[in-house]
């Protein structure tokens, strides 16, 4: 997980079939952000590598801080 321009890049092991990869991305983000899974939803990109997700319950600066922290933990 890490910054990629204005976006965040994540990697999941789930295969991109029957929505499994989409669900894995949403679960990963919920866990990394310490949010309930219901606070993370896919807005667009269900069939694409590029996705837009909606996060509720956090301000943008806090989202960036938590994702950066999670990315640092992953790289250790």
C-alpha atoms as a PDB file:
ATOM      1  CA  UNK A   1       0.000   0.000   0.000  1.00  0.00           C
ATOM      2  CA  UNK A   2       1.351   3.398  -0.862  1.00  0.00           C
ATOM      3  CA  UNK A   3       0.789   6.757  -2.508  1.00  0.00           C
ATOM      4  CA  UNK A   4       0.424   6.817  -6.263  1.00  0.00           C
ATOM      5  CA  UNK A   5       0.020  10.458  -7.315  1.00  0.00           C
ATOM      6  CA  UNK A   6      -3.225  11.721  -5.798  1.00  0.00           C
ATOM      7  CA  UNK A   7      -4.438   8.174  -5.208  1.00  0.00           C
ATOM      8  CA  UNK A   8      -3.480   5.219  -3.063  1.00  0.00           C
ATOM      9  CA  UNK A   9      -2.288   1.934  -4.521  1.00  0.00           C
ATOM     10  CA  UNK A  10      -3.193  -1.302  -2.774  1.00  0.00           C
ATOM     11  CA  UNK A  11      -2.536  -4.921  -3.609  1.00  0.00           C
ATOM     12  CA  UNK A  12      -4.731  -7.880  -2.707  1.00  0.00           C
ATOM     13  CA  UNK A  13      -4.279 -11.579  -3.392  1.00  0.00           C
ATOM     14  CA  UNK A  14      -7.928 -12.255  -4.254  1.00  0.00           C
ATOM     15  CA  UNK A  15      -8.690 -13.093  -7.858  1.00  0.00           C
ATOM     16  CA  UNK A  16     -10.630 -10.472  -9.846  1.00  0.00           C
ATOM     17  CA  UNK A  17     -13.574 -12.778 -10.441  1.00  0.00           C
ATOM     18  CA  UNK A  18     -17.098 -12.630  -9.062  1.00  0.00           C
ATOM     19  CA  UNK A  19     -16.224  -9.434  -7.143  1.00  0.00           C
ATOM     20  CA  UNK A  20     -13.729 -11.171  -4.840  1.00  0.00           C
ATOM     21  CA  UNK A  21     -10.946  -8.644  -5.440  1.00  0.00           C
ATOM     22  CA  UNK A  22     -13.331  -5.725  -4.916  1.00  0.00           C
ATOM     23  CA  UNK A  23     -14.454  -7.165  -1.585  1.00  0.00           C
ATOM     24  CA  UNK A  24     -10.827  -7.756  -0.588  1.00  0.00           C
ATOM     25  CA  UNK A  25      -9.923  -4.134  -1.378  1.00  0.00           C
ATOM     26  CA  UNK A  26     -12.840  -2.844   0.696  1.00  0.00           C
ATOM     27  CA  UNK A  27     -11.962  -5.144   3.606  1.00  0.00           C
ATOM     28  CA  UNK A  28      -8.300  -4.093   3.417  1.00  0.00           C
ATOM     29  CA  UNK A  29      -9.208  -0.409   3.526  1.00  0.00           C
ATOM     30  CA  UNK A  30     -11.650  -0.899   6.402  1.00  0.00           C
ATOM     31  CA  UNK A  31      -8.996  -2.730   8.408  1.00  0.00           C
ATOM     32  CA  UNK A  32      -6.194  -0.262   7.585  1.00  0.00           C
ATOM     33  CA  UNK A  33      -8.394   2.692   8.509  1.00  0.00           C
ATOM     34  CA  UNK A  34      -9.931   1.043  11.600  1.00  0.00           C
ATOM     35  CA  UNK A  35     -13.390   1.596  10.162  1.00  0.00           C
ATOM     36  CA  UNK A  36     -16.371  -0.736  10.140  1.00  0.00           C
ATOM     37  CA  UNK A  37     -16.706  -2.448   6.755  1.00  0.00           C
ATOM     38  CA  UNK A  38     -20.049  -0.652   6.301  1.00  0.00           C
ATOM     39  CA  UNK A  39     -18.171   2.686   6.187  1.00  0.00           C
ATOM     40  CA  UNK A  40     -16.265   1.689   3.046  1.00  0.00           C
ATOM     41  CA  UNK A  41     -18.096   1.336  -0.273  1.00  0.00           C
ATOM     42  CA  UNK A  42     -17.170   0.985  -3.920  1.00  0.00           C
ATOM     43  CA  UNK A  43     -18.398   3.955  -5.954  1.00  0.00           C
ATOM     44  CA  UNK A  44     -16.957   3.037  -9.347  1.00  0.00           C
ATOM     45  CA  UNK A  45     -14.408   0.772 -10.990  1.00  0.00           C
ATOM     46  CA  UNK A  46     -15.923  -2.574 -10.135  1.00  0.00           C
ATOM     47  CA  UNK A  47     -14.503  -4.101 -13.319  1.00  0.00           C
ATOM     48  CA  UNK A  48     -11.349  -1.967 -13.430  1.00  0.00           C
ATOM     49  CA  UNK A  49      -7.974  -1.863 -11.738  1.00  0.00           C
ATOM     50  CA  UNK A  50      -8.718   1.770 -10.855  1.00  0.00           C
ATOM     51  CA  UNK A  51     -11.434   2.121  -8.254  1.00  0.00           C
ATOM     52  CA  UNK A  52     -13.124   4.956  -6.451  1.00  0.00           C
ATOM     53  CA  UNK A  53     -14.247   4.223  -2.914  1.00  0.00           C
ATOM     54  CA  UNK A  54     -16.312   6.248  -0.507  1.00  0.00           C
ATOM     55  CA  UNK A  55     -15.181   6.404   3.106  1.00  0.00           C
ATOM     56  CA  UNK A  56     -17.464   7.732   5.823  1.00  0.00           C
ATOM     57  CA  UNK A  57     -16.533   8.687   9.343  1.00  0.00           C
ATOM     58  CA  UNK A  58     -13.074  10.197   8.742  1.00  0.00           C
ATOM     59  CA  UNK A  59     -11.711  13.489   7.486  1.00  0.00           C
ATOM     60  CA  UNK A  60      -9.385  13.352   4.426  1.00  0.00           C
ATOM     61  CA  UNK A  61      -6.278  14.271   6.456  1.00  0.00           C
ATOM     62  CA  UNK A  62      -6.962  11.434   8.913  1.00  0.00           C
ATOM     63  CA  UNK A  63      -7.495   8.994   6.036  1.00  0.00           C
ATOM     64  CA  UNK A  64      -4.110   9.959   4.581  1.00  0.00           C
ATOM     65  CA  UNK A  65      -2.418   9.624   7.976  1.00  0.00           C
ATOM     66  CA  UNK A  66      -3.889   6.186   8.661  1.00  0.00           C
ATOM     67  CA  UNK A  67      -3.142   4.858   5.166  1.00  0.00           C
ATOM     68  CA  UNK A  68       0.430   6.150   5.361  1.00  0.00           C
ATOM     69  CA  UNK A  69       0.860   4.461   8.722  1.00  0.00           C
ATOM     70  CA  UNK A  70      -0.577   1.184   7.400  1.00  0.00           C
ATOM     71  CA  UNK A  71       1.738   1.384   4.368  1.00  0.00           C
ATOM     72  CA  UNK A  72       4.748   1.805   6.640  1.00  0.00           C
ATOM     73  CA  UNK A  73       3.751  -1.274   8.647  1.00  0.00           C
ATOM     74  CA  UNK A  74       3.413  -3.312   5.429  1.00  0.00           C
ATOM     75  CA  UNK A  75       6.888  -2.381   4.211  1.00  0.00           C
ATOM     76  CA  UNK A  76       8.580  -3.575   7.422  1.00  0.00           C
END
